Amino acid sequence: MAGGGDFYDRDRPENPQLAEDRPRGGGPEDRPRSGGRLLVPMLIVAAALIVILFLIFI
């Protein structure tokens, strides 16, 4: 039987590090959306508030 590191070194490649199968950080397609989803409802609320204030003060 082989002793020491010879037993495991025999079948290993020169660079035994595995490539990372799940890279961290994601790409451009994985970027989270900014607050764009909130913009449209806030504009609708602001427009409704302006209309209500306009009707009250006329």
N, C-alpha and C. Protein backbone atom coordinates (compact mmCIF):
# COMPACT_ATOMS: atom_id res chain seq x y z
N MET A 1 0.85 -1.18 0.00
CA MET A 1 0.00 0.00 0.00
C MET A 1 0.89 1.24 0.00
N ALA A 2 0.47 2.25 -0.79
CA ALA A 2 1.26 3.47 -0.87
C ALA A 2 1.12 4.26 0.42
N GLY A 3 2.18 4.89 0.80
CA GLY A 3 2.13 5.66 2.05
C GLY A 3 2.15 7.15 1.79
N GLY A 4 1.66 7.89 2.76
CA GLY A 4 1.73 9.34 2.70
C GLY A 4 0.82 9.92 1.63
N GLY A 5 1.32 10.98 0.94
CA GLY A 5 0.53 11.68 -0.05
C GLY A 5 0.50 10.99 -1.39
N ASP A 6 1.32 9.96 -1.63
CA ASP A 6 1.35 9.30 -2.93
C ASP A 6 0.01 8.67 -3.30
N PHE A 7 -0.71 8.17 -2.31
CA PHE A 7 -1.98 7.50 -2.57
C PHE A 7 -2.98 8.46 -3.22
N TYR A 8 -3.07 9.68 -2.71
CA TYR A 8 -4.05 10.63 -3.23
C TYR A 8 -3.51 11.43 -4.41
N ASP A 9 -2.25 11.65 -4.48
CA ASP A 9 -1.66 12.46 -5.56
C ASP A 9 -1.65 11.73 -6.90
N ARG A 10 -1.76 10.46 -6.89
CA ARG A 10 -1.62 9.66 -8.10
C ARG A 10 -2.69 10.01 -9.14
N ASP A 11 -3.95 10.16 -8.75
CA ASP A 11 -5.03 10.37 -9.71
C ASP A 11 -5.47 11.82 -9.84
N ARG A 12 -4.85 12.71 -9.12
CA ARG A 12 -5.28 14.11 -9.15
C ARG A 12 -4.66 14.87 -10.31
N PRO A 13 -5.43 15.83 -10.87
CA PRO A 13 -4.85 16.70 -11.90
C PRO A 13 -3.87 17.68 -11.26
N GLU A 14 -3.12 18.38 -12.08
CA GLU A 14 -2.14 19.32 -11.54
C GLU A 14 -2.81 20.44 -10.76
N ASN A 15 -3.95 20.92 -11.24
CA ASN A 15 -4.70 21.95 -10.54
C ASN A 15 -6.00 21.34 -10.04
N PRO A 16 -6.07 20.87 -8.80
CA PRO A 16 -7.24 20.12 -8.34
C PRO A 16 -8.43 21.01 -7.94
N GLN A 17 -8.32 22.33 -8.10
CA GLN A 17 -9.43 23.21 -7.72
C GLN A 17 -10.58 23.06 -8.73
N LEU A 18 -11.79 22.95 -8.23
CA LEU A 18 -12.96 22.85 -9.10
C LEU A 18 -13.42 24.24 -9.50
N ALA A 19 -13.91 24.34 -10.71
CA ALA A 19 -14.47 25.62 -11.16
C ALA A 19 -15.76 25.87 -10.39
N GLU A 20 -16.02 27.12 -10.08
CA GLU A 20 -17.21 27.44 -9.30
C GLU A 20 -18.44 27.27 -10.19
N ASP A 21 -19.37 26.44 -9.73
CA ASP A 21 -20.54 26.15 -10.56
C ASP A 21 -21.66 27.18 -10.37
N ARG A 22 -21.59 27.97 -9.30
CA ARG A 22 -22.57 29.03 -9.09
C ARG A 22 -21.82 30.34 -8.81
N PRO A 23 -21.45 31.05 -9.85
CA PRO A 23 -20.71 32.29 -9.63
C PRO A 23 -21.53 33.27 -8.79
N ARG A 24 -20.83 33.96 -7.93
CA ARG A 24 -21.50 34.94 -7.07
C ARG A 24 -21.63 36.26 -7.79
N GLY A 25 -22.65 37.02 -7.44
CA GLY A 25 -22.79 38.36 -7.96
C GLY A 25 -23.79 38.50 -9.09
N GLY A 26 -24.01 37.48 -9.85
CA GLY A 26 -24.98 37.55 -10.94
C GLY A 26 -24.54 38.46 -12.06
N GLY A 27 -25.26 38.44 -13.11
CA GLY A 27 -24.94 39.27 -14.26
C GLY A 27 -25.93 40.41 -14.39
N PRO A 28 -25.88 41.11 -15.51
CA PRO A 28 -26.79 42.24 -15.70
C PRO A 28 -28.26 41.84 -15.70
N GLU A 29 -28.55 40.61 -16.09
CA GLU A 29 -29.95 40.18 -16.11
C GLU A 29 -30.49 39.92 -14.72
N ASP A 30 -29.62 39.80 -13.72
CA ASP A 30 -30.04 39.52 -12.35
C ASP A 30 -30.10 40.77 -11.48
N ARG A 31 -29.92 41.95 -12.08
CA ARG A 31 -29.94 43.17 -11.27
C ARG A 31 -31.34 43.40 -10.72
N PRO A 32 -31.40 43.74 -9.45
CA PRO A 32 -32.73 44.04 -8.90
C PRO A 32 -33.26 45.35 -9.47
N ARG A 33 -34.53 45.42 -9.63
CA ARG A 33 -35.12 46.65 -10.14
C ARG A 33 -35.00 47.74 -9.09
N SER A 34 -34.83 48.93 -9.57
CA SER A 34 -34.84 50.06 -8.64
C SER A 34 -36.29 50.41 -8.35
N GLY A 35 -36.55 51.54 -7.77
CA GLY A 35 -37.89 51.90 -7.35
C GLY A 35 -38.83 52.25 -8.48
N GLY A 36 -38.63 51.77 -9.68
CA GLY A 36 -39.48 52.09 -10.82
C GLY A 36 -40.90 51.60 -10.65
N ARG A 37 -41.09 50.53 -9.91
CA ARG A 37 -42.44 50.00 -9.70
C ARG A 37 -43.27 50.94 -8.84
N LEU A 38 -42.63 51.69 -7.98
CA LEU A 38 -43.34 52.57 -7.07
C LEU A 38 -43.66 53.92 -7.72
N LEU A 39 -43.03 54.25 -8.80
CA LEU A 39 -43.18 55.56 -9.42
C LEU A 39 -44.59 55.78 -9.96
N VAL A 40 -45.13 54.83 -10.67
CA VAL A 40 -46.45 54.99 -11.30
C VAL A 40 -47.55 55.16 -10.24
N PRO A 41 -47.62 54.32 -9.20
CA PRO A 41 -48.66 54.55 -8.19
C PRO A 41 -48.50 55.89 -7.46
N MET A 42 -47.28 56.31 -7.23
CA MET A 42 -47.07 57.60 -6.57
C MET A 42 -47.53 58.75 -7.46
N LEU A 43 -47.31 58.66 -8.76
CA LEU A 43 -47.80 59.69 -9.68
C LEU A 43 -49.33 59.74 -9.72
N ILE A 44 -49.95 58.58 -9.67
CA ILE A 44 -51.42 58.52 -9.66
C ILE A 44 -51.96 59.15 -8.39
N VAL A 45 -51.35 58.85 -7.25
CA VAL A 45 -51.77 59.43 -5.98
C VAL A 45 -51.58 60.94 -6.00
N ALA A 46 -50.44 61.41 -6.51
CA ALA A 46 -50.18 62.84 -6.58
C ALA A 46 -51.19 63.54 -7.49
N ALA A 47 -51.51 62.95 -8.63
CA ALA A 47 -52.49 63.55 -9.54
C ALA A 47 -53.87 63.60 -8.89
N ALA A 48 -54.26 62.53 -8.20
CA ALA A 48 -55.56 62.51 -7.52
C ALA A 48 -55.60 63.57 -6.42
N LEU A 49 -54.51 63.73 -5.69
CA LEU A 49 -54.44 64.73 -4.64
C LEU A 49 -54.55 66.15 -5.20
N ILE A 50 -53.91 66.39 -6.32
CA ILE A 50 -53.99 67.70 -6.97
C ILE A 50 -55.42 67.98 -7.42
N VAL A 51 -56.07 66.97 -8.01
CA VAL A 51 -57.47 67.15 -8.46
C VAL A 51 -58.37 67.41 -7.26
N ILE A 52 -58.21 66.67 -6.18
CA ILE A 52 -59.05 66.86 -4.99
C ILE A 52 -58.84 68.25 -4.39
N LEU A 53 -57.58 68.67 -4.26
CA LEU A 53 -57.29 70.00 -3.73
C LEU A 53 -57.84 71.08 -4.65
N PHE A 54 -57.78 70.87 -5.93
CA PHE A 54 -58.29 71.83 -6.91
C PHE A 54 -59.82 71.97 -6.74
N LEU A 55 -60.52 70.84 -6.56
CA LEU A 55 -61.96 70.88 -6.40
C LEU A 55 -62.37 71.50 -5.07
N ILE A 56 -61.59 71.31 -4.03
CA ILE A 56 -61.92 71.86 -2.73
C ILE A 56 -61.79 73.38 -2.72
N PHE A 57 -60.74 73.89 -3.32
CA PHE A 57 -60.43 75.32 -3.23
C PHE A 57 -61.04 76.15 -4.37
N ILE A 58 -61.91 75.60 -5.15
CA ILE A 58 -62.57 76.39 -6.22
C ILE A 58 -63.92 76.82 -5.76
